[in-house]
């Protein structure tokens, strides 16, 4: 896998934590919207990154996940740490 996409992140969030309360995470405008405004708390993000770790081998610390306040920041972290990205 060369890149984890915004659509894939949106799908994983829906699978693990349900629908967002506002804007669709797959919408380009949501990239810089804080997860909390989208209806996802830190627990939801930790669940999603746990699934991403199991499925894609992406290692992210819990602290890093909590610091990724927007989909854009989380996608950057995921893609930087994808095993094929090295």
PDB file of N, CA and C in Angstrom:
ATOM      1  N   UNK A   1       0.857  -1.180   0.000  1.00  0.00           N
ATOM      2  CA  UNK A   1       0.000   0.000   0.000  1.00  0.00           C
ATOM      3  C   UNK A   1       0.896   1.234   0.000  1.00  0.00           C
ATOM      4  N   UNK A   2       0.629   2.142  -0.908  1.00  0.00           N
ATOM      5  CA  UNK A   2       1.472   3.322  -1.004  1.00  0.00           C
ATOM      6  C   UNK A   2       0.929   4.499  -0.208  1.00  0.00           C
ATOM      7  N   UNK A   3      -0.386   4.561  -0.028  1.00  0.00           N
ATOM      8  CA  UNK A   3      -0.975   5.670   0.727  1.00  0.00           C
ATOM      9  C   UNK A   3      -2.307   5.254   1.334  1.00  0.00           C
ATOM     10  N   UNK A   4      -2.515   5.666   2.579  1.00  0.00           N
ATOM     11  CA  UNK A   4      -3.793   5.478   3.257  1.00  0.00           C
ATOM     12  C   UNK A   4      -4.595   6.736   2.962  1.00  0.00           C
ATOM     13  N   UNK A   5      -5.768   6.589   2.360  1.00  0.00           N
ATOM     14  CA  UNK A   5      -6.518   7.743   1.867  1.00  0.00           C
ATOM     15  C   UNK A   5      -7.522   8.289   2.878  1.00  0.00           C
ATOM     16  N   UNK A   6      -8.004   9.467   2.569  1.00  0.00           N
ATOM     17  CA  UNK A   6      -9.034  10.099   3.391  1.00  0.00           C
ATOM     18  C   UNK A   6     -10.302   9.240   3.401  1.00  0.00           C
ATOM     19  N   UNK A   7     -10.658   8.662   2.267  1.00  0.00           N
ATOM     20  CA  UNK A   7     -11.839   7.805   2.187  1.00  0.00           C
ATOM     21  C   UNK A   7     -11.667   6.579   3.077  1.00  0.00           C
ATOM     22  N   UNK A   8     -10.461   5.974   3.074  1.00  0.00           N
ATOM     23  CA  UNK A   8     -10.209   4.811   3.921  1.00  0.00           C
ATOM     24  C   UNK A   8     -10.304   5.184   5.401  1.00  0.00           C
ATOM     25  N   UNK A   9      -9.800   6.358   5.755  1.00  0.00           N
ATOM     26  CA  UNK A   9      -9.904   6.813   7.140  1.00  0.00           C
ATOM     27  C   UNK A   9     -11.369   6.998   7.523  1.00  0.00           C
ATOM     28  N   UNK A  10     -12.147   7.615   6.654  1.00  0.00           N
ATOM     29  CA  UNK A  10     -13.572   7.822   6.922  1.00  0.00           C
ATOM     30  C   UNK A  10     -14.285   6.484   7.113  1.00  0.00           C
ATOM     31  N   UNK A  11     -13.967   5.518   6.266  1.00  0.00           N
ATOM     32  CA  UNK A  11     -14.583   4.194   6.381  1.00  0.00           C
ATOM     33  C   UNK A  11     -14.220   3.520   7.698  1.00  0.00           C
ATOM     34  N   UNK A  12     -12.964   3.600   8.095  1.00  0.00           N
ATOM     35  CA  UNK A  12     -12.519   2.989   9.360  1.00  0.00           C
ATOM     36  C   UNK A  12     -13.174   3.678  10.553  1.00  0.00           C
ATOM     37  N   UNK A  13     -13.299   4.994  10.505  1.00  0.00           N
ATOM     38  CA  UNK A  13     -13.967   5.710  11.596  1.00  0.00           C
ATOM     39  C   UNK A  13     -15.419   5.264  11.719  1.00  0.00           C
ATOM     40  N   UNK A  14     -16.099   5.139  10.581  1.00  0.00           N
ATOM     41  CA  UNK A  14     -17.499   4.688  10.607  1.00  0.00           C
ATOM     42  C   UNK A  14     -17.602   3.275  11.161  1.00  0.00           C
ATOM     43  N   UNK A  15     -16.714   2.383  10.732  1.00  0.00           N
ATOM     44  CA  UNK A  15     -16.733   0.996  11.191  1.00  0.00           C
ATOM     45  C   UNK A  15     -16.501   0.899  12.702  1.00  0.00           C
ATOM     46  N   UNK A  16     -15.568   1.678  13.202  1.00  0.00           N
ATOM     47  CA  UNK A  16     -15.145   1.552  14.601  1.00  0.00           C
ATOM     48  C   UNK A  16     -15.933   2.431  15.573  1.00  0.00           C
ATOM     49  N   UNK A  17     -16.362   3.592  15.107  1.00  0.00           N
ATOM     50  CA  UNK A  17     -16.950   4.554  16.036  1.00  0.00           C
ATOM     51  C   UNK A  17     -18.282   5.130  15.576  1.00  0.00           C
ATOM     52  N   UNK A  18     -18.784   4.690  14.448  1.00  0.00           N
ATOM     53  CA  UNK A  18     -20.072   5.182  13.968  1.00  0.00           C
ATOM     54  C   UNK A  18     -19.943   6.405  13.084  1.00  0.00           C
ATOM     55  N   UNK A  19     -21.074   6.896  12.637  1.00  0.00           N
ATOM     56  CA  UNK A  19     -21.122   8.066  11.763  1.00  0.00           C
ATOM     57  C   UNK A  19     -20.682   9.322  12.509  1.00  0.00           C
ATOM     58  N   UNK A  20     -20.087  10.258  11.775  1.00  0.00           N
ATOM     59  CA  UNK A  20     -19.730  11.540  12.384  1.00  0.00           C
ATOM     60  C   UNK A  20     -21.009  12.313  12.655  1.00  0.00           C
ATOM     61  N   UNK A  21     -20.920  13.249  13.582  1.00  0.00           N
ATOM     62  CA  UNK A  21     -22.102  14.023  13.972  1.00  0.00           C
ATOM     63  C   UNK A  21     -22.364  15.200  13.042  1.00  0.00           C
ATOM     64  N   UNK A  22     -21.394  15.534  12.238  1.00  0.00           N
ATOM     65  CA  UNK A  22     -21.568  16.674  11.347  1.00  0.00           C
ATOM     66  C   UNK A  22     -21.123  16.333   9.952  1.00  0.00           C
ATOM     67  N   UNK A  23     -20.064  16.960   9.563  1.00  0.00           N
ATOM     68  CA  UNK A  23     -19.482  16.788   8.243  1.00  0.00           C
ATOM     69  C   UNK A  23     -18.931  15.377   8.056  1.00  0.00           C
ATOM     70  N   UNK A  24     -19.025  14.861   6.857  1.00  0.00           N
ATOM     71  CA  UNK A  24     -18.458  13.558   6.519  1.00  0.00           C
ATOM     72  C   UNK A  24     -16.937  13.683   6.494  1.00  0.00           C
ATOM     73  N   UNK A  25     -16.240  12.789   7.179  1.00  0.00           N
ATOM     74  CA  UNK A  25     -14.786  12.828   7.235  1.00  0.00           C
ATOM     75  C   UNK A  25     -14.181  12.673   5.844  1.00  0.00           C
ATOM     76  N   UNK A  26     -14.883  12.050   4.925  1.00  0.00           N
ATOM     77  CA  UNK A  26     -14.384  11.880   3.563  1.00  0.00           C
ATOM     78  C   UNK A  26     -14.488  13.167   2.749  1.00  0.00           C
ATOM     79  N   UNK A  27     -15.216  14.155   3.249  1.00  0.00           N
ATOM     80  CA  UNK A  27     -15.368  15.431   2.567  1.00  0.00           C
ATOM     81  C   UNK A  27     -14.061  16.221   2.698  1.00  0.00           C
ATOM     82  N   UNK A  28     -13.594  16.780   1.599  1.00  0.00           N
ATOM     83  CA  UNK A  28     -12.340  17.548   1.581  1.00  0.00           C
ATOM     84  C   UNK A  28     -12.333  18.636   2.658  1.00  0.00           C
ATOM     85  N   UNK A  29     -13.468  19.262   2.909  1.00  0.00           N
ATOM     86  CA  UNK A  29     -13.553  20.335   3.908  1.00  0.00           C
ATOM     87  C   UNK A  29     -13.317  19.835   5.326  1.00  0.00           C
ATOM     88  N   UNK A  30     -13.450  18.532   5.539  1.00  0.00           N
ATOM     89  CA  UNK A  30     -13.273  17.976   6.883  1.00  0.00           C
ATOM     90  C   UNK A  30     -11.805  17.771   7.247  1.00  0.00           C
ATOM     91  N   UNK A  31     -10.914  17.857   6.282  1.00  0.00           N
ATOM     92  CA  UNK A  31      -9.498  17.569   6.548  1.00  0.00           C
ATOM     93  C   UNK A  31      -8.916  18.376   7.699  1.00  0.00           C
ATOM     94  N   UNK A  32      -9.326  19.623   7.827  1.00  0.00           N
ATOM     95  CA  UNK A  32      -8.774  20.482   8.873  1.00  0.00           C
ATOM     96  C   UNK A  32      -9.755  20.766  10.007  1.00  0.00           C
ATOM     97  N   UNK A  33     -10.825  19.996  10.057  1.00  0.00           N
ATOM     98  CA  UNK A  33     -11.814  20.129  11.135  1.00  0.00           C
ATOM     99  C   UNK A  33     -11.401  19.222  12.288  1.00  0.00           C
ATOM    100  N   UNK A  34     -11.328  19.768  13.508  1.00  0.00           N
ATOM    101  CA  UNK A  34     -10.953  18.925  14.649  1.00  0.00           C
ATOM    102  C   UNK A  34     -11.889  17.720  14.786  1.00  0.00           C
ATOM    103  N   UNK A  35     -11.291  16.580  15.133  1.00  0.00           N
ATOM    104  CA  UNK A  35     -12.088  15.361  15.296  1.00  0.00           C
ATOM    105  C   UNK A  35     -13.218  15.569  16.293  1.00  0.00           C
ATOM    106  N   UNK A  36     -12.975  16.312  17.343  1.00  0.00           N
ATOM    107  CA  UNK A  36     -14.009  16.516  18.366  1.00  0.00           C
ATOM    108  C   UNK A  36     -15.236  17.201  17.749  1.00  0.00           C
ATOM    109  N   UNK A  37     -15.016  18.118  16.786  1.00  0.00           N
ATOM    110  CA  UNK A  37     -16.137  18.778  16.106  1.00  0.00           C
ATOM    111  C   UNK A  37     -16.845  17.823  15.149  1.00  0.00           C
ATOM    112  N   UNK A  38     -16.133  16.799  14.710  1.00  0.00           N
ATOM    113  CA  UNK A  38     -16.737  15.788  13.836  1.00  0.00           C
ATOM    114  C   UNK A  38     -17.460  14.710  14.647  1.00  0.00           C
ATOM    115  N   UNK A  39     -17.320  14.783  15.973  1.00  0.00           N
ATOM    116  CA  UNK A  39     -18.007  13.831  16.840  1.00  0.00           C
ATOM    117  C   UNK A  39     -17.163  12.641  17.257  1.00  0.00           C
ATOM    118  N   UNK A  40     -15.848  12.705  17.061  1.00  0.00           N
ATOM    119  CA  UNK A  40     -14.959  11.614  17.441  1.00  0.00           C
ATOM    120  C   UNK A  40     -14.024  12.062  18.550  1.00  0.00           C
ATOM    121  N   UNK A  41     -14.043  11.329  19.662  1.00  0.00           N
ATOM    122  CA  UNK A  41     -13.156  11.650  20.772  1.00  0.00           C
ATOM    123  C   UNK A  41     -11.873  10.828  20.678  1.00  0.00           C
ATOM    124  N   UNK A  42     -10.990  11.008  21.651  1.00  0.00           N
ATOM    125  CA  UNK A  42      -9.694  10.320  21.615  1.00  0.00           C
ATOM    126  C   UNK A  42      -9.857   8.800  21.687  1.00  0.00           C
ATOM    127  N   UNK A  43     -10.847   8.315  22.400  1.00  0.00           N
ATOM    128  CA  UNK A  43     -11.083   6.875  22.478  1.00  0.00           C
ATOM    129  C   UNK A  43     -11.433   6.311  21.096  1.00  0.00           C
ATOM    130  N   UNK A  44     -12.264   7.017  20.352  1.00  0.00           N
ATOM    131  CA  UNK A  44     -12.620   6.585  18.996  1.00  0.00           C
ATOM    132  C   UNK A  44     -11.375   6.535  18.111  1.00  0.00           C
ATOM    133  N   UNK A  45     -10.516   7.536  18.234  1.00  0.00           N
ATOM    134  CA  UNK A  45      -9.297   7.558  17.421  1.00  0.00           C
ATOM    135  C   UNK A  45      -8.364   6.419  17.794  1.00  0.00           C
ATOM    136  N   UNK A  46      -8.269   6.112  19.079  1.00  0.00           N
ATOM    137  CA  UNK A  46      -7.416   5.005  19.519  1.00  0.00           C
ATOM    138  C   UNK A  46      -7.960   3.669  18.996  1.00  0.00           C
ATOM    139  N   UNK A  47      -9.275   3.529  18.970  1.00  0.00           N
ATOM    140  CA  UNK A  47      -9.875   2.311  18.410  1.00  0.00           C
ATOM    141  C   UNK A  47      -9.535   2.188  16.922  1.00  0.00           C
ATOM    142  N   UNK A  48      -9.683   3.267  16.202  1.00  0.00           N
ATOM    143  CA  UNK A  48      -9.411   3.264  14.762  1.00  0.00           C
ATOM    144  C   UNK A  48      -7.941   2.972  14.493  1.00  0.00           C
ATOM    145  N   UNK A  49      -7.058   3.614  15.220  1.00  0.00           N
ATOM    146  CA  UNK A  49      -5.631   3.384  14.965  1.00  0.00           C
ATOM    147  C   UNK A  49      -5.211   1.975  15.381  1.00  0.00           C
ATOM    148  N   UNK A  50      -5.910   1.388  16.337  1.00  0.00           N
ATOM    149  CA  UNK A  50      -5.653  -0.010  16.687  1.00  0.00           C
ATOM    150  C   UNK A  50      -5.992  -0.934  15.530  1.00  0.00           C
ATOM    151  N   UNK A  51      -7.107  -0.675  14.875  1.00  0.00           N
ATOM    152  CA  UNK A  51      -7.510  -1.470  13.707  1.00  0.00           C
ATOM    153  C   UNK A  51      -6.521  -1.248  12.557  1.00  0.00           C
ATOM    154  N   UNK A  52      -6.127  -0.009  12.342  1.00  0.00           N
ATOM    155  CA  UNK A  52      -5.177   0.305  11.280  1.00  0.00           C
ATOM    156  C   UNK A  52      -3.839  -0.383  11.554  1.00  0.00           C
ATOM    157  N   UNK A  53      -3.450  -0.441  12.810  1.00  0.00           N
ATOM    158  CA  UNK A  53      -2.203  -1.133  13.171  1.00  0.00           C
ATOM    159  C   UNK A  53      -2.296  -2.617  12.798  1.00  0.00           C
ATOM    160  N   UNK A  54      -3.411  -3.246  13.175  1.00  0.00           N
ATOM    161  CA  UNK A  54      -3.579  -4.678  12.877  1.00  0.00           C
ATOM    162  C   UNK A  54      -3.658  -4.949  11.376  1.00  0.00           C
ATOM    163  N   UNK A  55      -4.371  -4.103  10.656  1.00  0.00           N
ATOM    164  CA  UNK A  55      -4.604  -4.361   9.234  1.00  0.00           C
ATOM    165  C   UNK A  55      -3.467  -3.903   8.317  1.00  0.00           C
ATOM    166  N   UNK A  56      -2.766  -2.843   8.717  1.00  0.00           N
ATOM    167  CA  UNK A  56      -1.765  -2.257   7.824  1.00  0.00           C
ATOM    168  C   UNK A  56      -0.356  -2.216   8.416  1.00  0.00           C
ATOM    169  N   UNK A  57      -0.215  -2.576   9.689  1.00  0.00           N
ATOM    170  CA  UNK A  57       1.101  -2.570  10.311  1.00  0.00           C
ATOM    171  C   UNK A  57       1.617  -1.194  10.676  1.00  0.00           C
ATOM    172  N   UNK A  58       0.727  -0.233  10.816  1.00  0.00           N
ATOM    173  CA  UNK A  58       1.118   1.139  11.143  1.00  0.00           C
ATOM    174  C   UNK A  58       1.237   1.289  12.660  1.00  0.00           C
ATOM    175  N   UNK A  59       2.425   1.612  13.120  1.00  0.00           N
ATOM    176  CA  UNK A  59       2.687   1.790  14.554  1.00  0.00           C
ATOM    177  C   UNK A  59       2.612   3.274  14.908  1.00  0.00           C
ATOM    178  N   UNK A  60       1.644   3.640  15.736  1.00  0.00           N
ATOM    179  CA  UNK A  60       1.516   5.015  16.225  1.00  0.00           C
ATOM    180  C   UNK A  60       1.389   4.977  17.741  1.00  0.00           C
ATOM    181  N   UNK A  61       2.097   5.866  18.408  1.00  0.00           N
ATOM    182  CA  UNK A  61       1.966   5.926  19.865  1.00  0.00           C
ATOM    183  C   UNK A  61       0.621   6.553  20.226  1.00  0.00           C
ATOM    184  N   UNK A  62       0.117   6.207  21.392  1.00  0.00           N
ATOM    185  CA  UNK A  62      -1.152   6.788  21.850  1.00  0.00           C
ATOM    186  C   UNK A  62      -1.050   8.303  21.945  1.00  0.00           C
ATOM    187  N   UNK A  63       0.093   8.803  22.402  1.00  0.00           N
ATOM    188  CA  UNK A  63       0.288  10.249  22.507  1.00  0.00           C
ATOM    189  C   UNK A  63       0.210  10.923  21.143  1.00  0.00           C
ATOM    190  N   UNK A  64       0.823  10.303  20.148  1.00  0.00           N
ATOM    191  CA  UNK A  64       0.798  10.869  18.795  1.00  0.00           C
ATOM    192  C   UNK A  64      -0.625  10.914  18.260  1.00  0.00           C
ATOM    193  N   UNK A  65      -1.381   9.870  18.516  1.00  0.00           N
ATOM    194  CA  UNK A  65      -2.771   9.814  18.039  1.00  0.00           C
ATOM    195  C   UNK A  65      -3.590  10.935  18.670  1.00  0.00           C
ATOM    196  N   UNK A  66      -3.415  11.147  19.958  1.00  0.00           N
ATOM    197  CA  UNK A  66      -4.165  12.200  20.657  1.00  0.00           C
ATOM    198  C   UNK A  66      -3.765  13.578  20.132  1.00  0.00           C
ATOM    199  N   UNK A  67      -2.503  13.737  19.739  1.00  0.00           N
ATOM    200  CA  UNK A  67      -2.035  15.016  19.207  1.00  0.00           C
ATOM    201  C   UNK A  67      -2.544  15.294  17.794  1.00  0.00           C
ATOM    202  N   UNK A  68      -2.918  14.276  17.076  1.00  0.00           N
ATOM    203  CA  UNK A  68      -3.444  14.448  15.717  1.00  0.00           C
ATOM    204  C   UNK A  68      -4.893  14.902  15.831  1.00  0.00           C
ATOM    205  N   UNK A  69      -5.084  16.192  15.878  1.00  0.00           N
ATOM    206  CA  UNK A  69      -6.407  16.740  16.159  1.00  0.00           C
ATOM    207  C   UNK A  69      -7.332  16.789  14.951  1.00  0.00           C
ATOM    208  N   UNK A  70      -6.782  16.613  13.748  1.00  0.00           N
ATOM    209  CA  UNK A  70      -7.603  16.694  12.533  1.00  0.00           C
ATOM    210  C   UNK A  70      -7.332  15.486  11.638  1.00  0.00           C
ATOM    211  N   UNK A  71      -8.246  15.193  10.726  1.00  0.00           N
ATOM    212  CA  UNK A  71      -7.990  14.099   9.784  1.00  0.00           C
ATOM    213  C   UNK A  71      -6.698  14.295   8.989  1.00  0.00           C
ATOM    214  N   UNK A  72      -6.382  15.526   8.595  1.00  0.00           N
ATOM    215  CA  UNK A  72      -5.165  15.773   7.830  1.00  0.00           C
ATOM    216  C   UNK A  72      -3.930  15.351   8.632  1.00  0.00           C
ATOM    217  N   UNK A  73      -3.884  15.721   9.906  1.00  0.00           N
ATOM    218  CA  UNK A  73      -2.728  15.368  10.745  1.00  0.00           C
ATOM    219  C   UNK A  73      -2.634  13.862  10.959  1.00  0.00           C
ATOM    220  N   UNK A  74      -3.766  13.215  11.187  1.00  0.00           N
ATOM    221  CA  UNK A  74      -3.751  11.769  11.396  1.00  0.00           C
ATOM    222  C   UNK A  74      -3.335  11.038  10.115  1.00  0.00           C
ATOM    223  N   UNK A  75      -3.846  11.470   8.978  1.00  0.00           N
ATOM    224  CA  UNK A  75      -3.455  10.854   7.714  1.00  0.00           C
ATOM    225  C   UNK A  75      -1.955  11.005   7.465  1.00  0.00           C
ATOM    226  N   UNK A  76      -1.422  12.169   7.788  1.00  0.00           N
ATOM    227  CA  UNK A  76       0.019  12.387   7.613  1.00  0.00           C
ATOM    228  C   UNK A  76       0.810  11.399   8.476  1.00  0.00           C
ATOM    229  N   UNK A  77       0.380  11.231   9.738  1.00  0.00           N
ATOM    230  CA  UNK A  77       1.054  10.283  10.634  1.00  0.00           C
ATOM    231  C   UNK A  77       0.959   8.857  10.114  1.00  0.00           C
ATOM    232  N   UNK A  78      -0.231   8.478   9.687  1.00  0.00           N
ATOM    233  CA  UNK A  78      -0.436   7.117   9.177  1.00  0.00           C
ATOM    234  C   UNK A  78       0.447   6.878   7.956  1.00  0.00           C
ATOM    235  N   UNK A  79       0.415   7.798   7.002  1.00  0.00           N
ATOM    236  CA  UNK A  79       1.165   7.613   5.763  1.00  0.00           C
ATOM    237  C   UNK A  79       2.672   7.664   5.978  1.00  0.00           C
ATOM    238  N   UNK A  80       3.127   8.451   6.931  1.00  0.00           N
ATOM    239  CA  UNK A  80       4.548   8.493   7.255  1.00  0.00           C
ATOM    240  C   UNK A  80       5.007   7.175   7.844  1.00  0.00           C
ATOM    241  N   UNK A  81       4.116   6.481   8.524  1.00  0.00           N
ATOM    242  CA  UNK A  81       4.470   5.240   9.218  1.00  0.00           C
ATOM    243  C   UNK A  81       4.022   3.962   8.511  1.00  0.00           C
ATOM    244  N   UNK A  82       3.466   4.091   7.313  1.00  0.00           N
ATOM    245  CA  UNK A  82       3.113   2.898   6.550  1.00  0.00           C
ATOM    246  C   UNK A  82       4.376   2.092   6.266  1.00  0.00           C
ATOM    247  N   UNK A  83       4.337   0.778   6.450  1.00  0.00           N
ATOM    248  CA  UNK A  83       5.526  -0.034   6.200  1.00  0.00           C
ATOM    249  C   UNK A  83       6.126   0.174   4.805  1.00  0.00           C
ATOM    250  N   UNK A  84       5.318   0.383   3.785  1.00  0.00           N
ATOM    251  CA  UNK A  84       5.825   0.581   2.420  1.00  0.00           C
ATOM    252  C   UNK A  84       6.376   1.977   2.193  1.00  0.00           C
ATOM    253  N   UNK A  85       6.118   2.905   3.148  1.00  0.00           N
ATOM    254  CA  UNK A  85       6.548   4.287   2.968  1.00  0.00           C
ATOM    255  C   UNK A  85       8.051   4.444   3.156  1.00  0.00           C
ATOM    256  N   UNK A  86       8.689   3.473   3.776  1.00  0.00           N
ATOM    257  CA  UNK A  86      10.118   3.609   4.059  1.00  0.00           C
ATOM    258  C   UNK A  86      10.973   3.447   2.827  1.00  0.00           C
TER     259      UNK A  86
END
